[in-house]
């Protein structure tokens, strides 16, 4: 099982990869603002993604500001993003199940348990 810090880092990598796949022209500062991390942290994450081969840096040929770059996911990066997404979904499902159980226990303890009636397909309504 991954530590909480590793989970947070994976979540940040996933957010960054999702952002740049949607808008490759984002600056490091824009990525930082969107993800909620410092500009230095965004630079560090993006640099690490480039070094691992998940992201490549492309230059805007048409842009008058030739110093501006685009962050592009590589095929390896697309696979990594998919794995991160899958792991994120699984982790959130587990958290959801724990929260549901906790809510049910608290409702029973408080006498707030709601009676449910079977729906047309046998589920709760």
Protein backbone atom coordinates (compact mmCIF):
# COMPACT_ATOMS: atom_id res chain seq x y z
CA UNK A 1 0.00 0.00 0.00
CA UNK A 2 1.32 3.42 -0.93
CA UNK A 3 1.96 6.06 1.70
CA UNK A 4 -0.25 9.12 1.86
CA UNK A 5 2.60 11.25 0.47
CA UNK A 6 3.06 8.91 -2.51
CA UNK A 7 -0.69 9.05 -3.16
CA UNK A 8 -0.61 12.87 -3.06
CA UNK A 9 2.36 12.97 -5.46
CA UNK A 10 0.61 10.57 -7.84
CA UNK A 11 -2.53 12.71 -7.68
CA UNK A 12 -0.52 15.84 -8.51
CA UNK A 13 1.19 14.06 -11.44
CA UNK A 14 -2.21 12.95 -12.70
CA UNK A 15 -3.64 16.48 -12.43
CA UNK A 16 -0.65 17.92 -14.27
CA UNK A 17 -0.83 15.29 -17.00
CA UNK A 18 -4.56 15.83 -17.44
CA UNK A 19 -4.08 19.60 -17.68
CA UNK A 20 -1.33 19.47 -20.26
CA UNK A 21 -3.16 16.86 -22.32
CA UNK A 22 -6.13 19.26 -22.48
CA UNK A 23 -4.02 22.39 -23.01
CA UNK A 24 -0.38 21.72 -23.98
CA UNK A 25 0.34 25.45 -24.23
CA UNK A 26 -0.12 26.06 -20.49
CA UNK A 27 2.75 27.78 -18.75
CA UNK A 28 4.33 26.39 -15.62
CA UNK A 29 2.66 29.17 -13.66
CA UNK A 30 -0.76 28.31 -15.08
CA UNK A 31 -0.23 24.64 -14.23
CA UNK A 32 0.77 25.62 -10.69
CA UNK A 33 -2.33 27.79 -10.27
CA UNK A 34 -4.69 25.13 -11.62
CA UNK A 35 -3.22 22.29 -9.54
CA UNK A 36 -2.82 24.40 -6.40
CA UNK A 37 0.93 23.99 -6.00
CA UNK A 38 3.84 26.42 -6.07
CA UNK A 39 5.44 27.47 -9.33
CA UNK A 40 8.64 25.69 -8.25
CA UNK A 41 6.72 22.48 -7.55
CA UNK A 42 5.02 22.66 -10.95
CA UNK A 43 8.41 23.14 -12.62
CA UNK A 44 9.81 20.18 -10.66
CA UNK A 45 6.86 17.91 -11.62
CA UNK A 46 7.00 18.89 -15.29
CA UNK A 47 10.78 18.42 -15.41
CA UNK A 48 10.45 14.98 -13.80
CA UNK A 49 7.75 14.01 -16.30
CA UNK A 50 10.02 15.10 -19.17
CA UNK A 51 13.00 13.20 -17.71
CA UNK A 52 10.92 10.02 -17.34
CA UNK A 53 9.81 10.29 -20.96
CA UNK A 54 6.13 10.85 -20.15
CA UNK A 55 6.11 14.36 -21.57
CA UNK A 56 8.09 15.99 -24.34
CA UNK A 57 8.70 19.65 -24.82
CA UNK A 58 7.60 21.06 -28.16
CA UNK A 59 8.33 24.53 -29.49
CA UNK A 60 5.60 26.71 -30.99
CA UNK A 61 6.84 27.36 -34.48
CA UNK A 62 4.07 29.84 -35.30
CA UNK A 63 4.30 31.74 -32.03
CA UNK A 64 6.03 35.15 -32.22
CA UNK A 65 7.40 34.45 -28.73
CA UNK A 66 9.78 31.67 -29.73
CA UNK A 67 10.57 30.97 -26.09
CA UNK A 68 7.14 29.49 -25.47
CA UNK A 69 6.85 25.73 -25.37
CA UNK A 70 4.12 23.13 -25.40
CA UNK A 71 4.08 20.12 -23.10
CA UNK A 72 3.00 17.05 -25.06
CA UNK A 73 2.21 13.63 -23.62
CA UNK A 74 4.24 10.86 -25.20
CA UNK A 75 2.73 7.40 -25.82
CA UNK A 76 4.54 6.31 -22.64
CA UNK A 77 2.97 9.30 -20.87
CA UNK A 78 -0.49 8.40 -22.10
CA UNK A 79 -0.06 4.90 -20.63
CA UNK A 80 1.20 6.36 -17.35
CA UNK A 81 -1.74 8.76 -17.21
CA UNK A 82 -4.09 5.84 -17.76
CA UNK A 83 -2.47 3.86 -14.92
CA UNK A 84 -2.56 6.86 -12.59
CA UNK A 85 -6.23 7.39 -13.44
CA UNK A 86 -7.06 3.74 -12.76
CA UNK A 87 -5.22 3.80 -9.41
CA UNK A 88 -6.89 7.09 -8.47
CA UNK A 89 -10.36 5.69 -9.21
CA UNK A 90 -9.67 2.53 -7.20
CA UNK A 91 -8.38 4.56 -4.23
CA UNK A 92 -11.40 6.87 -4.32
CA UNK A 93 -13.79 3.90 -4.52
CA UNK A 94 -12.17 2.38 -1.43
CA UNK A 95 -12.43 5.73 0.38
CA UNK A 96 -16.09 5.97 -0.70
CA UNK A 97 -16.89 2.52 0.71
CA UNK A 98 -15.22 3.40 4.02
CA UNK A 99 -17.18 6.67 4.19
CA UNK A 100 -20.46 4.93 3.38
CA UNK A 101 -19.88 2.42 6.18
CA UNK A 102 -18.98 5.22 8.59
CA UNK A 103 -22.08 7.23 7.65
CA UNK A 104 -24.32 4.17 8.04
CA UNK A 105 -22.83 3.41 11.47
CA UNK A 106 -23.31 7.03 12.58
CA UNK A 107 -26.89 7.10 11.29
CA UNK A 108 -27.71 3.90 13.16
CA UNK A 109 -26.06 5.24 16.31
CA UNK A 110 -28.04 8.48 16.06
CA UNK A 111 -31.27 6.68 15.23
CA UNK A 112 -31.36 8.29 11.80
CA UNK A 113 -31.23 5.10 9.79
CA UNK A 114 -33.44 5.57 6.76
CA UNK A 115 -35.65 2.68 5.73
CA UNK A 116 -35.30 1.87 2.10
CA UNK A 117 -37.78 0.23 -0.17
CA UNK A 118 -36.75 -2.00 -3.02
CA UNK A 119 -36.89 -0.25 -6.36
CA UNK A 120 -38.12 -1.72 -9.64
CA UNK A 121 -34.78 -3.52 -10.12
CA UNK A 122 -34.45 -4.65 -6.52
CA UNK A 123 -32.14 -1.77 -5.52
CA UNK A 124 -32.61 1.03 -3.05
CA UNK A 125 -34.65 4.09 -3.96
